Each structure stands twice: as structure tokens, then as C-alpha cells.
Amino acid sequence: MEKYCPIISETVDTKLIKVNASFVLIVLILSIATPLTWLIYVVASDFAIRVFFGVKRSPVCMIIRSSMNVMNIKQHKVNAGPKKLASKFGLAFSIIIIALQLLEFQMAVIAFTAIFITLTSLEVFFSYCLVCAIYPYLNKIGIK
């Protein structure tokens, strides 16, 4: 169990989160490196489902979880509080990127997507979640 305080009663599988972050990373790269700019809508939709209905209802997480079960990969559970907050940040970034796309502010789209890619890369390659690291401080000021 992670050292976040206060700890909520829910847990989440870090391996599932890491594979999901890999998916998000690939989709984000494709969304700015190819003409497939609509892919950000896939990311935003999945984050919205995770934020409002939980990780168990996320189609991407369902596919990943099923694949992990078939491969018999053992889960590693941690407190879900910080990861839930990270999903909210992911949803916010996705919405900002979509809004910037609709306003045709391409340089801002690239800048926000680059920041999102950087934060996601930290999780994928170093198992470091910046939002999770600042979670205790954000929680103290009422951001949950």
C-alpha cells in the first residue's frame, strides 16, 4: 500500500494503470504526429468514463484487464485516491487539448499535448506519477 494520507478504501492495480498509460502515450503521440487528431477524443472519452463511472467501466481498462488475466499477470494493488486524481488531470488535459483544437490554436495543442506526453512518459518509463506525488498536498487544500 502506498503512503498517501488519508487513504481511501478503494485500490487499483498499478500494472493495469501502467499499461493504460502506455496506451494513452501511444495515442497522444499518434494524435500530434499524424493526421489522426481525433484520437484525443478516444483518450478524453476513456478518462471521462474512468472519472465518472470508475476504472472498472473503462473500455480500455476492460480490454487490458482481460488481456492481463489471460496472460495470468499478478496484480499489484495500491491506494486509488492518487490515481483517481491523476485521471481527473488526464481528463482536464484532454478537454483543454480538444478545445484548443476546435479553436485552431495548433501551437497550444502541441504544447499541451507535449506536457501530457511528458507526464504520461514518467508513469510509463519510470513508474512516477507527478499528480500522485503531489496528491497529499492537493488533498490538504481540498482538491480531490
N, C-alpha and C. Protein backbone atom coordinates (compact mmCIF):
# COMPACT_ATOMS: atom_id res chain seq x y z
N MET A 1 0.84 -1.17 0.00
CA MET A 1 0.00 0.00 0.00
C MET A 1 0.89 1.24 0.00
N GLU A 2 0.50 2.23 -0.76
CA GLU A 2 1.25 3.48 -0.84
C GLU A 2 1.07 4.30 0.43
N LYS A 3 1.85 5.35 0.59
CA LYS A 3 1.87 6.13 1.81
C LYS A 3 0.99 7.38 1.77
N TYR A 4 -0.03 7.40 0.94
CA TYR A 4 -0.88 8.58 0.83
C TYR A 4 -1.85 8.66 2.00
N CYS A 5 -2.12 9.86 2.41
CA CYS A 5 -2.99 10.07 3.54
C CYS A 5 -3.95 11.21 3.21
N PRO A 6 -5.20 11.16 3.49
CA PRO A 6 -5.87 9.99 4.02
C PRO A 6 -6.09 8.95 2.92
N ILE A 7 -6.06 7.72 3.31
CA ILE A 7 -6.20 6.62 2.36
C ILE A 7 -7.69 6.32 2.18
N ILE A 8 -8.11 6.23 0.92
CA ILE A 8 -9.50 5.84 0.67
C ILE A 8 -9.55 4.31 0.64
N SER A 9 -10.73 3.77 0.74
CA SER A 9 -10.85 2.32 0.86
C SER A 9 -10.63 1.57 -0.45
N GLU A 10 -10.68 2.27 -1.58
CA GLU A 10 -10.52 1.61 -2.88
C GLU A 10 -9.05 1.42 -3.23
N THR A 11 -8.79 0.36 -4.00
CA THR A 11 -7.45 0.13 -4.52
C THR A 11 -7.52 -0.02 -6.04
N VAL A 12 -6.37 0.08 -6.67
CA VAL A 12 -6.27 -0.06 -8.11
C VAL A 12 -4.97 -0.80 -8.43
N ASP A 13 -4.98 -1.54 -9.51
CA ASP A 13 -3.82 -2.31 -9.93
C ASP A 13 -2.83 -1.42 -10.67
N THR A 14 -1.61 -1.29 -10.14
CA THR A 14 -0.61 -0.42 -10.78
C THR A 14 -0.18 -0.94 -12.14
N LYS A 15 -0.20 -2.25 -12.32
CA LYS A 15 0.18 -2.81 -13.62
C LYS A 15 -0.85 -2.44 -14.68
N LEU A 16 -2.10 -2.48 -14.31
CA LEU A 16 -3.17 -2.06 -15.22
C LEU A 16 -3.01 -0.58 -15.57
N ILE A 17 -2.72 0.23 -14.58
CA ILE A 17 -2.54 1.66 -14.79
C ILE A 17 -1.35 1.93 -15.71
N LYS A 18 -0.28 1.18 -15.52
CA LYS A 18 0.92 1.39 -16.35
C LYS A 18 0.65 1.01 -17.81
N VAL A 19 -0.05 -0.08 -18.05
CA VAL A 19 -0.39 -0.47 -19.42
C VAL A 19 -1.34 0.55 -20.03
N ASN A 20 -2.30 1.01 -19.23
CA ASN A 20 -3.22 2.03 -19.71
C ASN A 20 -2.47 3.32 -20.05
N ALA A 21 -1.51 3.70 -19.22
CA ALA A 21 -0.70 4.89 -19.51
C ALA A 21 0.09 4.70 -20.81
N SER A 22 0.54 3.48 -21.07
CA SER A 22 1.24 3.20 -22.33
C SER A 22 0.31 3.41 -23.52
N PHE A 23 -0.93 2.96 -23.39
CA PHE A 23 -1.93 3.17 -24.43
C PHE A 23 -2.14 4.67 -24.65
N VAL A 24 -2.33 5.42 -23.57
CA VAL A 24 -2.54 6.86 -23.67
C VAL A 24 -1.34 7.52 -24.34
N LEU A 25 -0.14 7.12 -23.96
CA LEU A 25 1.08 7.68 -24.54
C LEU A 25 1.12 7.46 -26.06
N ILE A 26 0.85 6.25 -26.48
CA ILE A 26 0.86 5.94 -27.92
C ILE A 26 -0.19 6.76 -28.66
N VAL A 27 -1.39 6.84 -28.09
CA VAL A 27 -2.46 7.60 -28.74
C VAL A 27 -2.13 9.08 -28.81
N LEU A 28 -1.55 9.63 -27.74
CA LEU A 28 -1.17 11.05 -27.75
C LEU A 28 -0.11 11.33 -28.82
N ILE A 29 0.87 10.47 -28.92
CA ILE A 29 1.92 10.65 -29.94
C ILE A 29 1.30 10.59 -31.34
N LEU A 30 0.44 9.60 -31.55
CA LEU A 30 -0.22 9.49 -32.86
C LEU A 30 -1.09 10.70 -33.16
N SER A 31 -1.71 11.27 -32.12
CA SER A 31 -2.63 12.40 -32.35
C SER A 31 -1.91 13.67 -32.79
N ILE A 32 -0.61 13.81 -32.46
CA ILE A 32 0.09 15.01 -32.93
C ILE A 32 1.10 14.70 -34.04
N ALA A 33 1.47 13.43 -34.20
CA ALA A 33 2.46 13.09 -35.22
C ALA A 33 1.83 12.64 -36.54
N THR A 34 0.52 12.46 -36.54
CA THR A 34 -0.19 12.01 -37.74
C THR A 34 -1.43 12.89 -37.93
N PRO A 35 -2.12 12.73 -39.03
CA PRO A 35 -3.36 13.49 -39.22
C PRO A 35 -4.52 12.99 -38.34
N LEU A 36 -4.28 12.02 -37.50
CA LEU A 36 -5.34 11.41 -36.68
C LEU A 36 -5.59 12.22 -35.40
N THR A 37 -5.85 13.51 -35.57
CA THR A 37 -6.05 14.39 -34.41
C THR A 37 -7.29 14.01 -33.60
N TRP A 38 -8.22 13.30 -34.18
CA TRP A 38 -9.43 12.87 -33.49
C TRP A 38 -9.14 11.86 -32.39
N LEU A 39 -7.95 11.27 -32.37
CA LEU A 39 -7.63 10.27 -31.36
C LEU A 39 -7.69 10.82 -29.93
N ILE A 40 -7.51 12.13 -29.78
CA ILE A 40 -7.61 12.72 -28.45
C ILE A 40 -9.01 12.53 -27.88
N TYR A 41 -10.01 12.41 -28.75
CA TYR A 41 -11.38 12.15 -28.29
C TYR A 41 -11.49 10.77 -27.65
N VAL A 42 -10.73 9.81 -28.15
CA VAL A 42 -10.71 8.46 -27.56
C VAL A 42 -10.14 8.54 -26.14
N VAL A 43 -9.03 9.27 -26.00
CA VAL A 43 -8.40 9.43 -24.68
C VAL A 43 -9.36 10.15 -23.74
N ALA A 44 -9.96 11.24 -24.19
CA ALA A 44 -10.87 12.02 -23.36
C ALA A 44 -12.08 11.18 -22.94
N SER A 45 -12.62 10.42 -23.87
CA SER A 45 -13.79 9.58 -23.55
C SER A 45 -13.45 8.55 -22.49
N ASP A 46 -12.29 7.90 -22.64
CA ASP A 46 -11.91 6.89 -21.66
C ASP A 46 -11.65 7.52 -20.29
N PHE A 47 -10.98 8.67 -20.27
CA PHE A 47 -10.77 9.36 -18.99
C PHE A 47 -12.11 9.76 -18.37
N ALA A 48 -13.04 10.24 -19.17
CA ALA A 48 -14.35 10.63 -18.66
C ALA A 48 -15.07 9.44 -18.03
N ILE A 49 -15.01 8.31 -18.68
CA ILE A 49 -15.63 7.10 -18.13
C ILE A 49 -14.98 6.72 -16.82
N ARG A 50 -13.64 6.77 -16.77
CA ARG A 50 -12.93 6.43 -15.52
C ARG A 50 -13.27 7.41 -14.40
N VAL A 51 -13.35 8.69 -14.72
CA VAL A 51 -13.62 9.70 -13.69
C VAL A 51 -15.05 9.60 -13.17
N PHE A 52 -16.02 9.46 -14.07
CA PHE A 52 -17.42 9.50 -13.66
C PHE A 52 -18.02 8.14 -13.31
N PHE A 53 -17.46 7.06 -13.86
CA PHE A 53 -18.06 5.74 -13.62
C PHE A 53 -17.09 4.72 -13.04
N GLY A 54 -15.83 5.05 -12.95
CA GLY A 54 -14.84 4.15 -12.35
C GLY A 54 -14.03 3.39 -13.37
N VAL A 55 -12.88 2.96 -12.93
CA VAL A 55 -11.94 2.27 -13.81
C VAL A 55 -12.51 0.94 -14.32
N LYS A 56 -13.39 0.32 -13.55
CA LYS A 56 -13.97 -0.96 -13.94
C LYS A 56 -14.89 -0.85 -15.15
N ARG A 57 -15.36 0.35 -15.45
CA ARG A 57 -16.26 0.56 -16.60
C ARG A 57 -15.55 1.11 -17.83
N SER A 58 -14.28 1.39 -17.70
CA SER A 58 -13.49 1.91 -18.82
C SER A 58 -13.27 0.81 -19.86
N PRO A 59 -13.69 1.03 -21.11
CA PRO A 59 -13.48 0.01 -22.15
C PRO A 59 -12.00 -0.35 -22.33
N VAL A 60 -11.14 0.65 -22.30
CA VAL A 60 -9.70 0.39 -22.47
C VAL A 60 -9.20 -0.47 -21.31
N CYS A 61 -9.58 -0.12 -20.09
CA CYS A 61 -9.14 -0.89 -18.92
C CYS A 61 -9.73 -2.30 -18.92
N MET A 62 -10.96 -2.44 -19.42
CA MET A 62 -11.57 -3.78 -19.51
C MET A 62 -10.74 -4.67 -20.44
N ILE A 63 -10.35 -4.13 -21.57
CA ILE A 63 -9.54 -4.90 -22.53
C ILE A 63 -8.19 -5.25 -21.92
N ILE A 64 -7.56 -4.27 -21.29
CA ILE A 64 -6.26 -4.51 -20.66
C ILE A 64 -6.39 -5.55 -19.56
N ARG A 65 -7.40 -5.41 -18.71
CA ARG A 65 -7.59 -6.34 -17.60
C ARG A 65 -7.82 -7.76 -18.13
N SER A 66 -8.64 -7.90 -19.17
CA SER A 66 -8.88 -9.22 -19.76
C SER A 66 -7.59 -9.82 -20.30
N SER A 67 -6.80 -9.00 -20.97
CA SER A 67 -5.52 -9.47 -21.52
C SER A 67 -4.58 -9.90 -20.40
N MET A 68 -4.55 -9.13 -19.33
CA MET A 68 -3.68 -9.47 -18.20
C MET A 68 -4.14 -10.76 -17.53
N ASN A 69 -5.47 -10.97 -17.47
CA ASN A 69 -5.98 -12.22 -16.90
C ASN A 69 -5.60 -13.42 -17.75
N VAL A 70 -5.71 -13.26 -19.08
CA VAL A 70 -5.34 -14.36 -19.99
C VAL A 70 -3.85 -14.69 -19.83
N MET A 71 -3.03 -13.66 -19.65
CA MET A 71 -1.59 -13.86 -19.50
C MET A 71 -1.20 -14.21 -18.06
N ASN A 72 -2.21 -14.28 -17.18
CA ASN A 72 -2.01 -14.64 -15.78
C ASN A 72 -1.00 -13.72 -15.07
N ILE A 73 -1.14 -12.42 -15.31
CA ILE A 73 -0.26 -11.43 -14.69
C ILE A 73 -0.83 -11.08 -13.33
N LYS A 74 -0.02 -11.21 -12.30
CA LYS A 74 -0.45 -10.94 -10.93
C LYS A 74 -0.62 -9.44 -10.71
N GLN A 75 -1.66 -9.08 -10.00
CA GLN A 75 -1.95 -7.67 -9.72
C GLN A 75 -1.06 -7.14 -8.61
N HIS A 76 -0.85 -5.82 -8.64
CA HIS A 76 -0.16 -5.12 -7.57
C HIS A 76 -1.03 -3.93 -7.19
N LYS A 77 -1.75 -4.06 -6.08
CA LYS A 77 -2.74 -3.06 -5.68
C LYS A 77 -2.11 -1.93 -4.87
N VAL A 78 -2.57 -0.70 -5.16
CA VAL A 78 -2.20 0.49 -4.39
C VAL A 78 -3.46 1.29 -4.15
N ASN A 79 -3.36 2.27 -3.29
CA ASN A 79 -4.49 3.12 -2.99
C ASN A 79 -4.95 3.86 -4.24
N ALA A 80 -6.25 3.92 -4.45
CA ALA A 80 -6.80 4.50 -5.68
C ALA A 80 -6.92 6.02 -5.65
N GLY A 81 -6.85 6.63 -4.48
CA GLY A 81 -7.05 8.08 -4.37
C GLY A 81 -6.18 8.90 -5.31
N PRO A 82 -4.86 8.73 -5.25
CA PRO A 82 -3.99 9.49 -6.14
C PRO A 82 -4.22 9.19 -7.61
N LYS A 83 -4.49 7.94 -7.93
CA LYS A 83 -4.71 7.55 -9.32
C LYS A 83 -6.02 8.13 -9.85
N LYS A 84 -7.03 8.24 -8.98
CA LYS A 84 -8.29 8.87 -9.38
C LYS A 84 -8.06 10.35 -9.70
N LEU A 85 -7.26 11.01 -8.87
CA LEU A 85 -6.94 12.41 -9.12
C LEU A 85 -6.16 12.55 -10.43
N ALA A 86 -5.24 11.62 -10.68
CA ALA A 86 -4.47 11.65 -11.92
C ALA A 86 -5.40 11.50 -13.13
N SER A 87 -6.44 10.67 -13.01
CA SER A 87 -7.41 10.52 -14.09
C SER A 87 -8.16 11.83 -14.34
N LYS A 88 -8.46 12.55 -13.28
CA LYS A 88 -9.13 13.85 -13.43
C LYS A 88 -8.22 14.84 -14.15
N PHE A 89 -6.94 14.82 -13.82
CA PHE A 89 -5.99 15.67 -14.53
C PHE A 89 -5.90 15.26 -15.99
N GLY A 90 -5.89 13.95 -16.26
CA GLY A 90 -5.86 13.46 -17.64
C GLY A 90 -7.08 13.92 -18.42
N LEU A 91 -8.25 13.87 -17.78
CA LEU A 91 -9.47 14.34 -18.42
C LEU A 91 -9.37 15.84 -18.69
N ALA A 92 -8.88 16.60 -17.73
CA ALA A 92 -8.74 18.05 -17.91
C ALA A 92 -7.80 18.37 -19.06
N PHE A 93 -6.65 17.70 -19.11
CA PHE A 93 -5.71 17.92 -20.22
C PHE A 93 -6.36 17.58 -21.55
N SER A 94 -7.09 16.47 -21.60
CA SER A 94 -7.76 16.06 -22.85
C SER A 94 -8.77 17.10 -23.30
N ILE A 95 -9.57 17.61 -22.37
CA ILE A 95 -10.57 18.62 -22.71
C ILE A 95 -9.91 19.90 -23.19
N ILE A 96 -8.83 20.30 -22.53
CA ILE A 96 -8.10 21.51 -22.95
C ILE A 96 -7.57 21.33 -24.37
N ILE A 97 -7.00 20.18 -24.64
CA ILE A 97 -6.44 19.91 -25.98
C ILE A 97 -7.55 19.93 -27.03
N ILE A 98 -8.69 19.33 -26.73
CA ILE A 98 -9.81 19.33 -27.67
C ILE A 98 -10.29 20.76 -27.92
N ALA A 99 -10.43 21.54 -26.85
CA ALA A 99 -10.87 22.93 -27.00
C ALA A 99 -9.89 23.72 -27.86
N LEU A 100 -8.61 23.52 -27.62
CA LEU A 100 -7.60 24.23 -28.41
C LEU A 100 -7.63 23.79 -29.88
N GLN A 101 -7.90 22.50 -30.11
CA GLN A 101 -8.05 22.03 -31.49
C GLN A 101 -9.23 22.71 -32.17
N LEU A 102 -10.35 22.77 -31.46
CA LEU A 102 -11.56 23.38 -32.03
C LEU A 102 -11.35 24.87 -32.31
N LEU A 103 -10.53 25.52 -31.49
CA LEU A 103 -10.22 26.94 -31.69
C LEU A 103 -9.08 27.14 -32.70
N GLU A 104 -8.53 26.02 -33.18
CA GLU A 104 -7.45 26.01 -34.17
C GLU A 104 -6.18 26.72 -33.66
N PHE A 105 -5.87 26.54 -32.39
CA PHE A 105 -4.63 27.04 -31.80
C PHE A 105 -3.61 25.90 -31.80
N GLN A 106 -3.07 25.61 -32.98
CA GLN A 106 -2.24 24.43 -33.17
C GLN A 106 -0.98 24.41 -32.29
N MET A 107 -0.34 25.55 -32.12
CA MET A 107 0.87 25.57 -31.28
C MET A 107 0.52 25.24 -29.82
N ALA A 108 -0.60 25.74 -29.34
CA ALA A 108 -1.04 25.43 -27.98
C ALA A 108 -1.42 23.95 -27.86
N VAL A 109 -2.03 23.39 -28.90
CA VAL A 109 -2.35 21.96 -28.92
C VAL A 109 -1.07 21.15 -28.77
N ILE A 110 -0.07 21.51 -29.53
CA ILE A 110 1.22 20.80 -29.48
C ILE A 110 1.85 20.95 -28.10
N ALA A 111 1.80 22.15 -27.54
CA ALA A 111 2.41 22.40 -26.22
C ALA A 111 1.71 21.58 -25.13
N PHE A 112 0.38 21.63 -25.09
CA PHE A 112 -0.34 20.87 -24.06
C PHE A 112 -0.19 19.37 -24.26
N THR A 113 -0.19 18.93 -25.51
CA THR A 113 0.00 17.50 -25.77
C THR A 113 1.41 17.07 -25.36
N ALA A 114 2.40 17.92 -25.60
CA ALA A 114 3.77 17.60 -25.19
C ALA A 114 3.88 17.48 -23.67
N ILE A 115 3.21 18.37 -22.95
CA ILE A 115 3.22 18.27 -21.49
C ILE A 115 2.54 16.98 -21.04
N PHE A 116 1.41 16.67 -21.66
CA PHE A 116 0.67 15.45 -21.35
C PHE A 116 1.52 14.22 -21.66
N ILE A 117 2.22 14.23 -22.78
CA ILE A 117 3.11 13.13 -23.15
C ILE A 117 4.23 12.98 -22.12
N THR A 118 4.79 14.10 -21.68
CA THR A 118 5.87 14.06 -20.69
C THR A 118 5.38 13.44 -19.38
N LEU A 119 4.24 13.89 -18.90
CA LEU A 119 3.71 13.36 -17.64
C LEU A 119 3.36 11.87 -17.76
N THR A 120 2.80 11.49 -18.89
CA THR A 120 2.46 10.09 -19.12
C THR A 120 3.72 9.24 -19.25
N SER A 121 4.74 9.78 -19.89
CA SER A 121 6.02 9.06 -20.04
C SER A 121 6.67 8.79 -18.69
N LEU A 122 6.53 9.72 -17.77
CA LEU A 122 7.08 9.50 -16.43
C LEU A 122 6.47 8.25 -15.79
N GLU A 123 5.16 8.08 -15.96
CA GLU A 123 4.48 6.89 -15.43
C GLU A 123 4.93 5.63 -16.17
N VAL A 124 4.95 5.70 -17.48
CA VAL A 124 5.26 4.52 -18.29
C VAL A 124 6.70 4.05 -18.08
N PHE A 125 7.65 4.96 -18.16
CA PHE A 125 9.05 4.55 -18.15
C PHE A 125 9.70 4.54 -16.77
N PHE A 126 9.18 5.33 -15.83
CA PHE A 126 9.83 5.43 -14.52
C PHE A 126 8.89 5.10 -13.36
N SER A 127 7.65 4.72 -13.67
CA SER A 127 6.64 4.44 -12.65
C SER A 127 6.50 5.62 -11.67
N TYR A 128 6.59 6.82 -12.22
CA TYR A 128 6.47 8.03 -11.41
C TYR A 128 5.26 8.83 -11.86
N CYS A 129 4.35 9.03 -10.94
CA CYS A 129 3.13 9.78 -11.22
C CYS A 129 3.25 11.12 -10.49
N LEU A 130 3.45 12.19 -11.25
CA LEU A 130 3.62 13.51 -10.65
C LEU A 130 2.39 13.92 -9.85
N VAL A 131 1.21 13.69 -10.39
CA VAL A 131 -0.02 14.04 -9.67
C VAL A 131 -0.10 13.22 -8.37
N CYS A 132 0.29 11.95 -8.42
CA CYS A 132 0.27 11.12 -7.22
C CYS A 132 1.26 11.65 -6.17
N ALA A 133 2.39 12.17 -6.65
CA ALA A 133 3.40 12.70 -5.73
C ALA A 133 2.92 13.96 -5.02
N ILE A 134 2.11 14.76 -5.70
CA ILE A 134 1.61 15.99 -5.07
C ILE A 134 0.22 15.79 -4.46
N TYR A 135 -0.32 14.59 -4.57
CA TYR A 135 -1.65 14.28 -4.04
C TYR A 135 -1.83 14.68 -2.58
N PRO A 136 -0.91 14.33 -1.68
CA PRO A 136 -1.13 14.70 -0.26
C PRO A 136 -1.29 16.21 -0.07
N TYR A 137 -0.55 16.99 -0.82
CA TYR A 137 -0.62 18.45 -0.69
C TYR A 137 -1.92 19.00 -1.29
N LEU A 138 -2.31 18.45 -2.43
CA LEU A 138 -3.56 18.87 -3.05
C LEU A 138 -4.75 18.45 -2.18
N ASN A 139 -4.64 17.28 -1.58
CA ASN A 139 -5.71 16.77 -0.71
C ASN A 139 -5.88 17.69 0.51
N LYS A 140 -4.77 18.20 1.03
CA LYS A 140 -4.83 19.09 2.19
C LYS A 140 -5.58 20.39 1.90
N ILE A 141 -5.49 20.85 0.65
CA ILE A 141 -6.19 22.10 0.29
C ILE A 141 -7.56 21.83 -0.31
N GLY A 142 -7.98 20.57 -0.29
CA GLY A 142 -9.34 20.25 -0.70
C GLY A 142 -9.52 19.80 -2.13
N ILE A 143 -8.43 19.61 -2.89
CA ILE A 143 -8.53 19.13 -4.27
C ILE A 143 -8.48 17.61 -4.23
N LYS A 144 -9.59 16.99 -4.65
CA LYS A 144 -9.66 15.53 -4.59
C LYS A 144 -10.03 14.95 -5.93
